Amino acid sequence: MRRLSAAIAFVSLTACSSGEILGPPAPAGTYNLTSVDGAPLPFVAQASPKVELVSEQFVLKENGTFSETMLYRFTNGTSVTTQTLTDGGTYSISGSQVSLVFNSDGLPNTATLSGNTMVIAEPGHSYQYTKQ
């Protein structure tokens, strides 16, 4: 099963009451997965045995590093277990795109952020995160 992953990028510019244009807000913060393909969590990643993504959270730090925590629930017959997986890495920003490179496998992933909403589009799925 492919790991769910995310990144941050801010698109919109904010105008002050004086008309002064400010740059995009800093991406640092905590982002929680709120939906997959427009549906609320949990996300059923596999039907049998059942594997569900119950929650996922990214914490982006001002120093360009991030941590990721995912909670999965596994159901096999009447047996139900949960497992928390963690990862981390580095991120960089270019315009509205954020590139994340994960420590676990060195692979990059790209996300787009608009305001406080971050979206990662992977083949077959779209993951939406909201900043706390």
Protein backbone atom coordinates (compact mmCIF):
# COMPACT_ATOMS: atom_id res chain seq x y z
CA MET A 1 0.00 0.00 0.00
CA ARG A 2 1.34 3.34 -0.95
CA ARG A 3 2.01 5.76 1.90
CA LEU A 4 -0.23 8.80 2.02
CA SER A 5 1.80 11.93 2.03
CA ALA A 6 1.43 15.68 1.88
CA ALA A 7 3.06 19.05 1.46
CA ILE A 8 2.27 22.72 1.87
CA ALA A 9 2.20 25.77 -0.46
CA PHE A 10 0.38 29.05 -0.08
CA VAL A 11 -1.15 30.60 -3.19
CA SER A 12 -3.13 33.65 -2.25
CA LEU A 13 -1.72 37.05 -1.42
CA THR A 14 -3.35 39.01 1.37
CA ALA A 15 -4.22 42.67 1.06
CA CYS A 16 -4.10 44.88 4.15
CA SER A 17 -6.73 47.52 4.81
CA SER A 18 -4.16 50.10 3.71
CA GLY A 19 -3.92 48.37 0.32
CA GLU A 20 -0.43 47.04 1.02
CA ILE A 21 0.14 43.60 -0.50
CA LEU A 22 1.64 41.02 1.82
CA GLY A 23 3.39 37.83 0.77
CA PRO A 24 1.90 34.41 1.38
CA PRO A 25 1.66 33.29 4.99
CA ALA A 26 4.39 31.03 6.34
CA PRO A 27 3.57 27.36 5.72
CA ALA A 28 4.72 26.26 9.17
CA GLY A 29 1.95 24.67 11.20
CA THR A 30 -0.12 21.55 11.79
CA TYR A 31 -2.23 20.13 8.95
CA ASN A 32 -4.83 17.41 9.50
CA LEU A 33 -6.24 15.16 6.79
CA THR A 34 -9.95 15.97 6.48
CA SER A 35 -11.04 14.05 3.38
CA VAL A 36 -9.96 11.64 0.67
CA ASP A 37 -11.64 12.01 -2.72
CA GLY A 38 -14.11 14.42 -1.09
CA ALA A 39 -15.31 11.87 1.48
CA PRO A 40 -14.67 12.20 5.23
CA LEU A 41 -12.37 9.85 7.12
CA PRO A 42 -11.88 7.00 7.72
CA PHE A 43 -10.65 6.18 4.21
CA VAL A 44 -10.89 2.51 3.23
CA ALA A 45 -7.55 1.84 1.53
CA GLN A 46 -8.19 -1.90 1.14
CA ALA A 47 -11.44 -3.86 1.41
CA SER A 48 -10.32 -7.34 2.46
CA PRO A 49 -8.78 -7.60 4.90
CA LYS A 50 -10.02 -4.11 5.67
CA VAL A 51 -7.39 -1.37 6.02
CA GLU A 52 -8.58 2.12 6.95
CA LEU A 53 -6.70 5.38 7.27
CA VAL A 54 -8.24 6.86 10.41
CA SER A 55 -6.14 10.04 10.62
CA GLU A 56 -3.03 11.71 9.25
CA GLN A 57 -1.20 14.81 10.41
CA PHE A 58 1.71 16.82 9.06
CA VAL A 59 3.65 19.28 11.19
CA LEU A 60 5.72 21.66 9.06
CA LYS A 61 8.42 23.52 10.93
CA GLU A 62 9.88 26.90 10.05
CA ASN A 63 13.33 25.34 9.52
CA GLY A 64 12.13 23.42 6.42
CA THR A 65 11.59 20.04 8.11
CA PHE A 66 8.35 18.16 8.72
CA SER A 67 6.95 15.21 10.63
CA GLU A 68 4.07 12.98 9.58
CA THR A 69 1.87 10.75 11.77
CA MET A 70 -0.70 8.30 10.35
CA LEU A 71 -3.17 6.12 12.25
CA TYR A 72 -4.38 2.95 10.49
CA ARG A 73 -7.06 0.47 11.58
CA PHE A 74 -6.89 -3.15 10.39
CA THR A 75 -9.96 -5.43 10.49
CA ASN A 76 -9.63 -9.13 9.71
CA GLY A 77 -12.79 -10.99 10.61
CA THR A 78 -13.51 -10.05 14.23
CA SER A 79 -9.93 -8.96 14.93
CA VAL A 80 -9.39 -5.19 14.97
CA THR A 81 -5.99 -3.59 15.54
CA THR A 82 -4.53 -0.15 15.05
CA GLN A 83 -1.07 1.00 14.13
CA THR A 84 0.57 4.43 14.17
CA LEU A 85 3.19 5.09 11.52
CA THR A 86 5.53 8.07 11.52
CA ASP A 87 7.91 9.66 9.04
CA GLY A 88 9.56 12.99 8.45
CA GLY A 89 11.75 14.83 6.03
CA THR A 90 12.37 18.19 4.43
CA TYR A 91 10.23 20.52 2.34
CA SER A 92 10.74 23.43 -0.03
CA ILE A 93 8.35 25.90 -1.58
CA SER A 94 8.13 27.21 -5.15
CA GLY A 95 5.13 29.42 -5.84
CA SER A 96 2.00 27.50 -4.89
CA GLN A 97 3.78 24.14 -4.89
CA VAL A 98 5.47 22.48 -1.94
CA SER A 99 7.88 19.63 -2.45
CA LEU A 100 8.32 17.13 0.37
CA VAL A 101 11.17 14.63 0.51
CA PHE A 102 10.57 11.77 2.95
CA ASN A 103 13.30 10.33 5.19
CA SER A 104 11.91 6.79 4.88
CA ASP A 105 12.42 6.39 1.14
CA GLY A 106 13.86 9.67 -0.19
CA LEU A 107 10.96 10.03 -2.61
CA PRO A 108 9.44 13.44 -3.28
CA ASN A 109 5.77 14.37 -3.24
CA THR A 110 4.14 17.62 -4.29
CA ALA A 111 1.13 19.44 -2.85
CA THR A 112 -0.69 22.65 -3.58
CA LEU A 113 -2.00 24.97 -0.89
CA SER A 114 -4.65 27.64 -1.15
CA GLY A 115 -5.23 29.53 2.08
CA ASN A 116 -5.36 26.94 4.86
CA THR A 117 -6.21 24.02 2.57
CA MET A 118 -3.53 21.69 1.26
CA VAL A 119 -4.26 19.16 -1.48
CA ILE A 120 -2.13 16.25 -2.63
CA ALA A 121 -3.24 14.63 -5.87
CA GLU A 122 -1.88 11.14 -6.44
CA PRO A 123 -2.95 8.71 -9.16
CA GLY A 124 -6.50 7.69 -8.27
CA HIS A 125 -6.89 9.80 -5.12
CA SER A 126 -6.99 13.36 -3.84
CA TYR A 127 -6.10 14.09 -0.19
CA GLN A 128 -7.29 17.31 1.47
CA TYR A 129 -5.67 18.71 4.64
CA THR A 130 -6.75 21.66 6.76
CA LYS A 131 -4.41 23.80 8.86
CA GLN A 132 -5.27 23.91 12.56
